[in-house]
Protein backbone atom coordinates (compact mmCIF):
# COMPACT_ATOMS: atom_id res chain seq x y z
CA MET A 1 -34.68 -34.94 -19.78
CA LEU A 2 -32.56 -35.70 -23.01
CA HIS A 3 -33.25 -32.14 -24.65
CA ASN A 4 -30.12 -30.05 -24.79
CA THR A 5 -27.80 -33.25 -23.90
CA PHE A 6 -28.57 -35.97 -26.26
CA PHE A 7 -30.41 -33.89 -28.89
CA LYS A 8 -30.85 -30.11 -29.57
CA ILE A 9 -33.64 -28.49 -31.37
CA LEU A 10 -31.83 -26.60 -34.45
CA LYS A 11 -35.38 -25.74 -35.89
CA GLU A 12 -38.76 -25.79 -34.61
CA GLU A 13 -42.03 -24.87 -36.36
CA PRO A 14 -44.86 -25.04 -33.88
CA ALA A 15 -48.43 -24.96 -34.91
CA GLU A 16 -51.99 -25.69 -33.54
CA GLY A 17 -51.92 -29.14 -32.57
CA ALA A 18 -48.60 -29.85 -34.26
CA VAL A 19 -44.81 -29.30 -34.29
CA LYS A 20 -42.22 -30.00 -36.78
CA ALA A 21 -38.42 -29.89 -35.83
CA LEU A 22 -35.00 -30.34 -37.10
CA LEU A 23 -32.81 -32.01 -34.35
CA SER A 24 -29.29 -32.64 -33.82
CA ILE A 25 -28.32 -35.86 -32.11
CA ASP A 26 -25.05 -35.78 -30.03
CA LYS A 27 -23.04 -38.49 -31.84
CA ASP A 28 -20.76 -38.71 -28.90
CA HIS A 29 -23.19 -38.80 -25.89
CA ALA A 30 -22.71 -41.71 -23.24
CA ILE A 31 -25.96 -43.41 -24.16
CA LEU A 32 -24.42 -44.32 -27.51
CA LYS A 33 -21.30 -45.73 -26.07
CA GLY A 34 -23.24 -48.79 -24.74
CA HIS A 35 -25.73 -48.83 -27.48
CA PHE A 36 -23.65 -50.53 -29.29
CA PRO A 37 -19.99 -50.20 -28.89
CA GLY A 38 -18.35 -49.57 -32.27
CA GLN A 39 -21.88 -49.19 -34.00
CA PRO A 40 -23.80 -46.60 -32.30
CA VAL A 41 -27.73 -46.72 -32.57
CA VAL A 42 -30.17 -44.25 -31.33
CA PRO A 43 -32.31 -46.39 -28.68
CA GLY A 44 -35.88 -46.55 -29.36
CA VAL A 45 -36.80 -45.34 -25.89
CA CYS A 46 -34.69 -42.02 -26.92
CA MET A 47 -36.88 -41.80 -30.20
CA MET A 48 -39.81 -41.89 -27.89
CA GLN A 49 -38.47 -39.35 -25.48
CA ILE A 50 -37.81 -37.12 -28.02
CA VAL A 51 -41.28 -37.16 -29.26
CA LYS A 52 -42.66 -36.63 -25.78
CA ALA A 53 -40.30 -33.68 -25.20
CA LEU A 54 -41.75 -31.90 -28.34
CA VAL A 55 -45.08 -32.15 -27.21
CA GLU A 56 -44.10 -31.08 -23.76
CA ARG A 57 -42.51 -27.96 -25.06
CA GLN A 58 -45.59 -27.09 -27.27
CA THR A 59 -48.23 -27.82 -24.45
CA LYS A 60 -46.14 -26.57 -21.50
CA ARG A 61 -46.88 -29.66 -19.56
CA ASN A 62 -45.23 -32.34 -18.06
CA LEU A 63 -46.28 -35.53 -19.53
CA ARG A 64 -45.83 -39.31 -19.41
CA LEU A 65 -46.52 -42.09 -21.95
CA ALA A 66 -49.90 -43.56 -21.20
CA THR A 67 -50.25 -45.76 -24.19
CA ALA A 68 -48.34 -46.76 -27.20
CA GLU A 69 -50.85 -48.10 -29.56
CA ASN A 70 -48.62 -48.54 -32.66
CA MET A 71 -44.76 -48.16 -32.65
CA LYS A 72 -42.67 -48.97 -35.66
CA PHE A 73 -38.88 -48.86 -35.63
CA LEU A 74 -38.36 -48.90 -39.43
CA SER A 75 -34.60 -48.05 -39.71
CA VAL A 76 -31.84 -47.28 -37.37
CA ILE A 77 -30.56 -43.93 -36.56
CA ASP A 78 -26.77 -44.15 -36.71
CA PRO A 79 -25.94 -40.52 -35.49
CA ARG A 80 -22.66 -40.87 -37.51
CA GLN A 81 -24.55 -41.03 -40.60
CA HIS A 82 -27.57 -39.03 -39.59
CA GLN A 83 -26.59 -36.48 -36.93
CA GLU A 84 -29.68 -34.36 -38.07
CA VAL A 85 -33.24 -35.88 -38.07
CA GLU A 86 -36.47 -34.23 -38.50
CA ALA A 87 -39.60 -34.73 -36.48
CA SER A 88 -42.98 -34.37 -37.20
CA VAL A 89 -45.69 -34.63 -34.65
CA SER A 90 -49.48 -34.00 -35.01
CA PHE A 91 -51.68 -34.14 -31.58
CA SER A 92 -55.08 -33.47 -30.02
CA GLU A 93 -56.38 -33.35 -26.73
CA ASN A 94 -59.49 -34.97 -25.20
CA ASN A 95 -60.42 -34.85 -21.43
CA GLY A 96 -56.67 -34.29 -20.51
CA VAL A 97 -55.26 -37.26 -22.72
CA ILE A 98 -53.26 -36.05 -25.83
CA SER A 99 -53.49 -38.37 -28.74
CA LEU A 100 -50.49 -37.97 -31.07
CA ASN A 101 -49.18 -39.39 -34.30
CA ALA A 102 -45.45 -38.77 -34.87
CA SER A 103 -42.48 -39.65 -36.99
CA LEU A 104 -38.73 -39.18 -37.14
CA PHE A 105 -37.26 -39.11 -40.36
CA SER A 106 -34.25 -37.61 -42.75
CA GLY A 107 -35.18 -37.10 -46.25
CA SER A 108 -36.86 -40.06 -47.58
CA VAL A 109 -35.67 -42.58 -44.82
CA THR A 110 -38.16 -42.81 -42.06
CA PHE A 111 -36.56 -44.15 -38.78
CA PHE A 112 -39.75 -44.30 -36.45
CA LYS A 113 -43.45 -43.80 -36.25
CA LEU A 114 -45.61 -43.83 -33.17
CA LYS A 115 -49.27 -43.54 -32.33
CA ALA A 116 -49.66 -43.05 -28.55
CA THR A 117 -51.37 -41.20 -25.86
CA LEU A 118 -49.77 -38.83 -23.21
CA GLN A 119 -51.19 -37.73 -19.86
CA ASN A 120 -50.13 -35.27 -17.03
CA VAL A 121 -47.46 -36.40 -14.64
CA GLN A 122 -49.39 -36.72 -11.14
């Protein structure tokens, strides 16, 4: 949904049950004009969508967020300062449910951590 519009994947390192990616965020995207005017901040829901999109690419499935057991927003992503962001996601599947641990970061700054489950869209 946001892939190739709000963010682009510059580099992707898929592995069994994991993916690492370097992402570029469009600092001029319409979402950021309202969140917040004059001080753009990547919305938390967009951070979650980025993680979901990476897992969908890896699994080639259309997924939805089932549970978010632990979500931590540790630092804001101002795309004027951090136009490139790294993502690290590890996941496993059991009975059609994907459990994941993910983080978005740049260097030593961690923006977001997520522990969640995803399921197929029905």
